[in-house]
Protein backbone atom coordinates (compact mmCIF):
# COMPACT_ATOMS: atom_id res chain seq x y z
CA MET A 1 21.28 -17.74 16.41
CA LEU A 2 21.92 -14.72 15.25
CA LYS A 3 21.70 -15.83 11.64
CA ASP A 4 17.75 -17.10 13.12
CA ASN A 5 16.95 -13.41 14.17
CA ARG A 6 17.85 -11.74 10.77
CA PHE A 7 15.64 -14.37 9.28
CA SER A 8 13.11 -13.71 11.68
CA ASN A 9 13.17 -10.20 11.15
CA ILE A 10 13.60 -10.40 7.00
CA PHE A 11 10.35 -12.32 7.30
CA PHE A 12 8.47 -9.98 9.58
CA PHE A 13 9.00 -6.47 7.45
CA ILE A 14 8.25 -8.17 4.35
CA PHE A 15 5.06 -9.80 5.79
CA LEU A 16 4.42 -6.09 6.96
CA LEU A 17 5.14 -4.86 2.96
CA LEU A 18 2.61 -7.24 1.80
CA LEU A 19 0.19 -6.19 4.49
CA VAL A 20 0.16 -2.50 3.37
CA ILE A 21 0.02 -3.26 0.09
CA GLY A 22 -2.81 -6.00 0.83
CA ILE A 23 -4.79 -2.78 2.54
CA GLY A 24 -3.68 0.04 0.16
CA THR A 25 -5.39 -2.46 -2.63
CA THR A 26 -8.43 -3.51 -0.53
CA GLY A 27 -9.03 0.15 0.16
CA TYR A 28 -9.10 2.08 -3.00
CA MET A 29 -11.00 -1.39 -4.47
CA PHE A 30 -13.82 -0.24 -1.55
CA ILE A 31 -13.23 3.37 -1.36
CA GLN A 32 -12.75 4.33 -5.24
CA LYS A 33 -14.51 1.41 -6.29
CA TRP A 34 -11.38 0.39 -8.72
CA SER A 35 -10.58 -2.58 -10.08
CA VAL A 36 -7.38 -4.80 -7.92
CA VAL A 37 -4.90 -3.59 -10.73
CA ASP A 38 -5.54 -0.27 -11.09
CA SER A 39 -5.91 -0.43 -6.70
CA PHE A 40 -2.77 -2.63 -6.61
CA TYR A 41 -0.93 0.59 -9.19
CA MET A 42 -1.83 3.44 -7.06
CA THR A 43 -1.31 1.25 -3.88
CA ILE A 44 2.32 0.79 -5.29
CA ILE A 45 3.22 3.96 -6.90
CA THR A 46 1.87 5.66 -3.19
CA ILE A 47 4.28 3.77 -0.79
CA SER A 48 7.20 3.72 -3.06
CA THR A 49 6.56 7.71 -3.24
CA VAL A 50 7.43 7.28 -6.82
CA GLY A 51 3.72 9.16 -7.54
CA PHE A 52 3.73 8.39 -11.22
CA ARG A 53 -0.16 9.24 -11.58
CA GLU A 54 -3.42 9.06 -10.24
CA VAL A 55 -5.34 5.97 -11.59
CA GLY A 56 -8.36 8.82 -11.16
CA ASP A 57 -9.41 11.37 -9.82
CA LEU A 58 -9.70 11.34 -5.72
CA THR A 59 -12.91 11.55 -3.55
CA ILE A 60 -12.01 12.85 -0.36
CA ALA A 61 -12.35 9.62 1.11
CA GLY A 62 -9.68 8.16 -1.06
CA LYS A 63 -7.28 11.02 -0.59
CA LEU A 64 -7.41 10.71 3.42
CA PHE A 65 -6.86 7.11 2.10
CA THR A 66 -3.87 7.65 0.47
CA ALA A 67 -2.40 10.27 3.64
CA PHE A 68 -2.73 7.29 5.71
CA LEU A 69 -1.29 4.97 3.60
CA ILE A 70 1.42 7.05 3.17
CA ILE A 71 2.14 7.87 6.96
CA THR A 72 1.54 4.15 7.44
CA SER A 73 4.13 3.20 4.81
């Protein structure tokens, strides 16, 4: 029983991670009008706190979305 609970917890957190990545990628695509690859890259560097470099200049809405993404991830 305990083993099943651990697997369900792992799958739940994987689901949450994929959900955040999907929301982040989609958000950057619509807010910043970036490509899928650029939006995915920006999402990954934001949620991983690497912060290597921004893909491009962020609008005010893009900055607010980035702050939201940091807080929720």
